[in-house]
N, C-alpha and C. Protein backbone atom coordinates (compact mmCIF):
# COMPACT_ATOMS: atom_id res chain seq x y z
N MET A 1 -103.80 62.59 103.91
CA MET A 1 -102.52 62.61 103.24
C MET A 1 -102.65 63.29 101.88
N ALA A 2 -101.61 64.01 101.51
CA ALA A 2 -101.64 64.75 100.26
C ALA A 2 -101.72 63.81 99.06
N GLU A 3 -102.40 64.26 98.06
CA GLU A 3 -102.55 63.50 96.82
C GLU A 3 -101.20 63.34 96.12
N LEU A 4 -101.04 62.27 95.38
CA LEU A 4 -99.76 61.97 94.72
C LEU A 4 -99.30 63.06 93.76
N LYS A 5 -100.22 63.79 93.15
CA LYS A 5 -99.80 64.82 92.20
C LYS A 5 -99.00 65.92 92.88
N TYR A 6 -99.12 66.04 94.21
CA TYR A 6 -98.37 67.05 94.94
C TYR A 6 -97.05 66.53 95.49
N LEU A 7 -96.77 65.25 95.28
CA LEU A 7 -95.54 64.66 95.79
C LEU A 7 -94.28 65.36 95.26
N PRO A 8 -94.16 65.64 93.95
CA PRO A 8 -92.97 66.35 93.48
C PRO A 8 -92.79 67.73 94.14
N ALA A 9 -93.89 68.44 94.32
CA ALA A 9 -93.81 69.75 94.98
C ALA A 9 -93.36 69.58 96.43
N GLY A 10 -93.86 68.57 97.10
CA GLY A 10 -93.46 68.32 98.48
C GLY A 10 -91.98 67.98 98.60
N ILE A 11 -91.49 67.16 97.70
CA ILE A 11 -90.06 66.82 97.71
C ILE A 11 -89.23 68.06 97.46
N ARG A 12 -89.64 68.86 96.46
CA ARG A 12 -88.92 70.11 96.15
C ARG A 12 -88.88 71.03 97.36
N LEU A 13 -90.01 71.20 98.03
CA LEU A 13 -90.07 72.08 99.20
C LEU A 13 -89.19 71.58 100.33
N HIS A 14 -89.19 70.26 100.57
CA HIS A 14 -88.36 69.71 101.64
C HIS A 14 -86.87 69.87 101.33
N LEU A 15 -86.49 69.69 100.09
CA LEU A 15 -85.08 69.89 99.71
C LEU A 15 -84.67 71.35 99.87
N LYS A 16 -85.56 72.27 99.49
CA LYS A 16 -85.27 73.69 99.66
C LYS A 16 -85.13 74.03 101.14
N GLU A 17 -85.98 73.45 101.98
CA GLU A 17 -85.91 73.70 103.41
C GLU A 17 -84.57 73.26 103.98
N ILE A 18 -84.10 72.09 103.58
CA ILE A 18 -82.80 71.60 104.05
C ILE A 18 -81.70 72.56 103.64
N PHE A 19 -81.72 72.99 102.38
CA PHE A 19 -80.72 73.93 101.89
C PHE A 19 -80.77 75.24 102.68
N TYR A 20 -81.96 75.79 102.87
CA TYR A 20 -82.10 77.07 103.61
C TYR A 20 -81.62 76.93 105.05
N LYS A 21 -81.85 75.80 105.67
CA LYS A 21 -81.41 75.62 107.06
C LYS A 21 -79.89 75.67 107.18
N PHE A 22 -79.19 75.28 106.13
CA PHE A 22 -77.73 75.34 106.13
C PHE A 22 -77.19 76.70 105.71
N THR A 23 -77.98 77.48 104.98
CA THR A 23 -77.46 78.72 104.40
C THR A 23 -78.09 79.99 104.96
N ASP A 24 -79.09 79.88 105.81
CA ASP A 24 -79.82 81.06 106.28
C ASP A 24 -80.39 80.80 107.67
N ASN A 25 -80.79 81.86 108.34
CA ASN A 25 -81.46 81.73 109.63
C ASN A 25 -82.96 81.92 109.39
N LEU A 26 -83.69 80.83 109.29
CA LEU A 26 -85.11 80.90 108.97
C LEU A 26 -85.95 81.54 110.07
N LYS A 27 -85.39 81.70 111.25
CA LYS A 27 -86.13 82.31 112.35
C LYS A 27 -86.28 83.82 112.17
N GLU A 28 -85.60 84.40 111.20
CA GLU A 28 -85.65 85.85 110.96
C GLU A 28 -86.76 86.25 109.99
N TYR A 29 -87.56 85.30 109.53
CA TYR A 29 -88.55 85.56 108.49
C TYR A 29 -89.97 85.59 109.04
N TYR A 30 -90.85 86.21 108.25
CA TYR A 30 -92.29 86.07 108.46
C TYR A 30 -92.72 84.84 107.68
N TYR A 31 -93.60 84.04 108.27
CA TYR A 31 -94.10 82.82 107.64
C TYR A 31 -95.55 83.05 107.23
N PHE A 32 -95.83 82.96 105.95
CA PHE A 32 -97.20 83.05 105.46
C PHE A 32 -97.73 81.64 105.28
N ASN A 33 -98.87 81.36 105.90
CA ASN A 33 -99.50 80.05 105.84
C ASN A 33 -100.82 80.18 105.08
N PHE A 34 -101.23 79.11 104.40
CA PHE A 34 -102.41 79.15 103.55
C PHE A 34 -103.37 78.02 103.91
N ALA A 35 -104.59 78.11 103.40
CA ALA A 35 -105.64 77.16 103.77
C ALA A 35 -105.38 75.74 103.29
N ASP A 36 -104.69 75.59 102.17
CA ASP A 36 -104.46 74.26 101.61
C ASP A 36 -103.28 74.29 100.65
N ILE A 37 -102.90 73.14 100.14
CA ILE A 37 -101.74 73.02 99.26
C ILE A 37 -101.92 73.81 97.96
N PRO A 38 -103.04 73.68 97.25
CA PRO A 38 -103.18 74.44 96.01
C PRO A 38 -103.06 75.95 96.20
N THR A 39 -103.59 76.47 97.30
CA THR A 39 -103.50 77.90 97.56
C THR A 39 -102.05 78.30 97.84
N GLY A 40 -101.34 77.49 98.59
CA GLY A 40 -99.92 77.77 98.86
C GLY A 40 -99.09 77.74 97.59
N LEU A 41 -99.35 76.77 96.72
CA LEU A 41 -98.61 76.69 95.46
C LEU A 41 -98.96 77.86 94.54
N LYS A 42 -100.22 78.29 94.57
CA LYS A 42 -100.62 79.47 93.78
C LYS A 42 -99.88 80.70 94.29
N ALA A 43 -99.82 80.87 95.61
CA ALA A 43 -99.10 82.01 96.19
C ALA A 43 -97.63 81.97 95.80
N GLU A 44 -97.03 80.80 95.84
CA GLU A 44 -95.63 80.65 95.45
C GLU A 44 -95.44 81.10 94.00
N LYS A 45 -96.34 80.71 93.12
CA LYS A 45 -96.25 81.09 91.70
C LYS A 45 -96.42 82.60 91.52
N VAL A 46 -97.40 83.17 92.21
CA VAL A 46 -97.64 84.62 92.12
C VAL A 46 -96.43 85.41 92.61
N LEU A 47 -95.76 84.88 93.63
CA LEU A 47 -94.66 85.60 94.28
C LEU A 47 -93.28 85.20 93.77
N LYS A 48 -93.19 84.42 92.71
CA LYS A 48 -91.90 83.87 92.28
C LYS A 48 -90.86 84.94 91.95
N LYS A 49 -91.28 86.13 91.57
CA LYS A 49 -90.32 87.20 91.24
C LYS A 49 -89.98 88.06 92.46
N GLU A 50 -90.58 87.76 93.59
CA GLU A 50 -90.33 88.51 94.82
C GLU A 50 -89.24 87.81 95.63
N ASN A 51 -88.77 88.46 96.65
CA ASN A 51 -87.72 87.92 97.51
C ASN A 51 -88.36 87.01 98.58
N ILE A 52 -88.70 85.78 98.17
CA ILE A 52 -89.34 84.84 99.10
C ILE A 52 -88.58 83.52 99.12
N LYS A 53 -88.90 82.74 100.13
CA LYS A 53 -88.46 81.35 100.22
C LYS A 53 -89.74 80.54 100.44
N SER A 54 -89.79 79.35 99.91
CA SER A 54 -90.95 78.49 100.16
C SER A 54 -90.46 77.16 100.71
N ILE A 55 -91.16 76.71 101.74
CA ILE A 55 -90.82 75.46 102.42
C ILE A 55 -92.13 74.79 102.85
N PRO A 56 -92.06 73.53 103.31
CA PRO A 56 -93.26 72.93 103.90
C PRO A 56 -93.64 73.71 105.17
N VAL A 57 -94.91 73.76 105.46
CA VAL A 57 -95.36 74.45 106.68
C VAL A 57 -94.74 73.75 107.89
N PRO A 58 -94.09 74.50 108.78
CA PRO A 58 -93.55 73.88 109.99
C PRO A 58 -94.65 73.20 110.81
N ASN A 59 -94.33 72.06 111.40
CA ASN A 59 -95.31 71.31 112.20
C ASN A 59 -95.91 72.13 113.33
N GLU A 60 -95.17 73.09 113.85
CA GLU A 60 -95.68 73.91 114.94
C GLU A 60 -96.80 74.83 114.47
N ILE A 61 -96.89 75.09 113.18
CA ILE A 61 -97.97 75.92 112.63
C ILE A 61 -99.14 75.04 112.23
N PHE A 62 -98.87 73.97 111.46
CA PHE A 62 -99.91 73.03 111.05
C PHE A 62 -99.25 71.69 110.81
N LYS A 63 -99.68 70.66 111.50
CA LYS A 63 -98.98 69.37 111.49
C LYS A 63 -99.22 68.54 110.23
N GLU A 64 -100.23 68.80 109.48
CA GLU A 64 -100.60 67.92 108.39
C GLU A 64 -99.78 68.11 107.12
N CYS A 65 -99.85 69.26 106.51
CA CYS A 65 -99.16 69.51 105.25
C CYS A 65 -99.33 70.97 104.88
N GLY A 66 -98.74 71.39 103.79
CA GLY A 66 -98.94 72.74 103.30
C GLY A 66 -97.66 73.40 102.84
N VAL A 67 -97.84 74.58 102.31
CA VAL A 67 -96.75 75.39 101.78
C VAL A 67 -96.65 76.66 102.62
N ALA A 68 -95.46 76.98 103.07
CA ALA A 68 -95.22 78.24 103.78
C ALA A 68 -94.34 79.12 102.91
N ILE A 69 -94.69 80.39 102.85
CA ILE A 69 -93.88 81.38 102.15
C ILE A 69 -93.16 82.19 103.22
N LEU A 70 -91.85 82.30 103.10
CA LEU A 70 -91.04 83.06 104.05
C LEU A 70 -90.55 84.33 103.38
N THR A 71 -90.61 85.43 104.11
CA THR A 71 -90.16 86.71 103.58
C THR A 71 -89.78 87.63 104.73
N LYS A 72 -88.95 88.60 104.41
CA LYS A 72 -88.66 89.68 105.36
C LYS A 72 -89.44 90.92 104.98
N GLU A 73 -90.13 90.86 103.84
CA GLU A 73 -90.89 91.99 103.30
C GLU A 73 -92.39 91.76 103.50
N LYS A 74 -92.80 91.73 104.75
CA LYS A 74 -94.17 91.37 105.11
C LYS A 74 -95.22 92.23 104.41
N GLU A 75 -95.10 93.53 104.47
CA GLU A 75 -96.14 94.41 103.93
C GLU A 75 -96.27 94.27 102.41
N LYS A 76 -95.16 94.19 101.72
CA LYS A 76 -95.18 94.04 100.26
C LYS A 76 -95.88 92.74 99.87
N ILE A 77 -95.53 91.64 100.53
CA ILE A 77 -96.13 90.35 100.21
C ILE A 77 -97.61 90.33 100.57
N LYS A 78 -97.97 90.93 101.69
CA LYS A 78 -99.39 91.04 102.07
C LYS A 78 -100.19 91.71 100.98
N GLN A 79 -99.69 92.82 100.46
CA GLN A 79 -100.42 93.57 99.44
C GLN A 79 -100.60 92.75 98.16
N ILE A 80 -99.55 92.06 97.75
CA ILE A 80 -99.65 91.23 96.54
C ILE A 80 -100.68 90.13 96.74
N LEU A 81 -100.63 89.44 97.88
CA LEU A 81 -101.56 88.35 98.13
C LEU A 81 -103.00 88.86 98.24
N LYS A 82 -103.19 90.00 98.87
CA LYS A 82 -104.54 90.57 98.97
C LYS A 82 -105.08 90.93 97.59
N LYS A 83 -104.22 91.49 96.75
CA LYS A 83 -104.62 91.85 95.38
C LYS A 83 -105.07 90.61 94.61
N GLU A 84 -104.44 89.47 94.88
CA GLU A 84 -104.77 88.21 94.21
C GLU A 84 -105.89 87.44 94.94
N ASN A 85 -106.45 88.04 96.00
CA ASN A 85 -107.50 87.41 96.81
C ASN A 85 -107.07 86.05 97.38
N ILE A 86 -105.84 86.00 97.85
CA ILE A 86 -105.31 84.79 98.48
C ILE A 86 -105.34 85.00 100.00
N GLU A 87 -106.09 84.15 100.68
CA GLU A 87 -106.22 84.23 102.14
C GLU A 87 -104.97 83.64 102.80
N PHE A 88 -104.52 84.28 103.88
CA PHE A 88 -103.29 83.84 104.54
C PHE A 88 -103.30 84.18 106.01
N GLU A 89 -102.39 83.54 106.73
CA GLU A 89 -102.05 83.90 108.11
C GLU A 89 -100.56 84.22 108.11
N ILE A 90 -100.14 85.06 109.05
CA ILE A 90 -98.72 85.38 109.17
C ILE A 90 -98.25 84.97 110.56
N TRP A 91 -97.12 84.27 110.59
CA TRP A 91 -96.52 83.77 111.81
C TRP A 91 -95.09 84.28 111.92
N ILE A 92 -94.59 84.38 113.13
CA ILE A 92 -93.17 84.68 113.37
C ILE A 92 -92.64 83.67 114.38
N TYR A 93 -91.33 83.59 114.44
CA TYR A 93 -90.70 82.70 115.40
C TYR A 93 -90.08 83.55 116.50
N GLU A 94 -90.61 83.41 117.71
CA GLU A 94 -90.07 84.05 118.92
C GLU A 94 -90.21 83.05 120.05
N ASP A 95 -89.18 82.28 120.31
CA ASP A 95 -89.28 81.20 121.30
C ASP A 95 -90.45 80.27 120.98
N GLY A 96 -90.60 79.94 119.74
CA GLY A 96 -91.72 79.16 119.21
C GLY A 96 -92.51 80.01 118.24
N PHE A 97 -93.36 79.37 117.46
CA PHE A 97 -94.14 80.11 116.47
C PHE A 97 -95.34 80.79 117.12
N LYS A 98 -95.59 82.03 116.67
CA LYS A 98 -96.74 82.81 117.14
C LYS A 98 -97.41 83.45 115.94
N LYS A 99 -98.74 83.28 115.89
CA LYS A 99 -99.50 83.93 114.82
C LYS A 99 -99.63 85.40 115.14
N ILE A 100 -99.34 86.26 114.16
CA ILE A 100 -99.44 87.70 114.39
C ILE A 100 -100.53 88.36 113.55
N GLU A 101 -101.04 87.64 112.55
CA GLU A 101 -102.03 88.26 111.68
C GLU A 101 -102.78 87.21 110.89
N GLY A 102 -104.05 87.50 110.61
CA GLY A 102 -104.87 86.63 109.77
C GLY A 102 -105.57 85.54 110.56
N GLU A 103 -106.59 84.98 109.93
CA GLU A 103 -107.35 83.90 110.56
C GLU A 103 -107.98 83.07 109.46
N ILE A 104 -107.41 81.91 109.22
CA ILE A 104 -107.99 80.97 108.27
C ILE A 104 -108.81 79.99 109.08
N LYS A 105 -110.07 79.93 108.81
CA LYS A 105 -110.97 79.09 109.61
C LYS A 105 -110.80 77.59 109.34
N ASN A 106 -110.58 77.22 108.09
CA ASN A 106 -110.52 75.80 107.73
C ASN A 106 -109.22 75.43 107.04
N ILE A 107 -108.15 75.37 107.81
CA ILE A 107 -106.88 74.93 107.27
C ILE A 107 -106.95 73.41 107.13
N SER A 108 -106.53 72.93 105.97
CA SER A 108 -106.64 71.48 105.75
C SER A 108 -105.60 71.03 104.74
N CYS A 109 -105.57 69.76 104.52
CA CYS A 109 -104.76 69.19 103.44
C CYS A 109 -105.64 69.00 102.22
N LYS A 110 -106.70 69.78 102.15
CA LYS A 110 -107.62 69.71 101.01
C LYS A 110 -106.85 69.89 99.71
N LEU A 111 -107.16 69.08 98.78
CA LEU A 111 -106.51 69.14 97.49
C LEU A 111 -107.52 69.58 96.49
């Protein structure tokens, strides 16, 4: 289970997800997944000026916890994350989630 210091971030992400589900079609985005919560939050901070959405990682990608970055600008976001040495996987939704790029060996709720 995630450490208590990440509880406010988790609540914020869940509220954003609810809002996005009512105002947007989240199935049209690329989902960037990260190895752990701190890495996902770092990516969110690095990308805050870009056209992204951040939500909890969907259970179909990883059941435990995490931060997912959603974007329609896959190549731009990839380049920024690579420049910052942030490891990621990219998923899309096509009749369920499918990984299309990247391989994180040890995805965890590591804090």
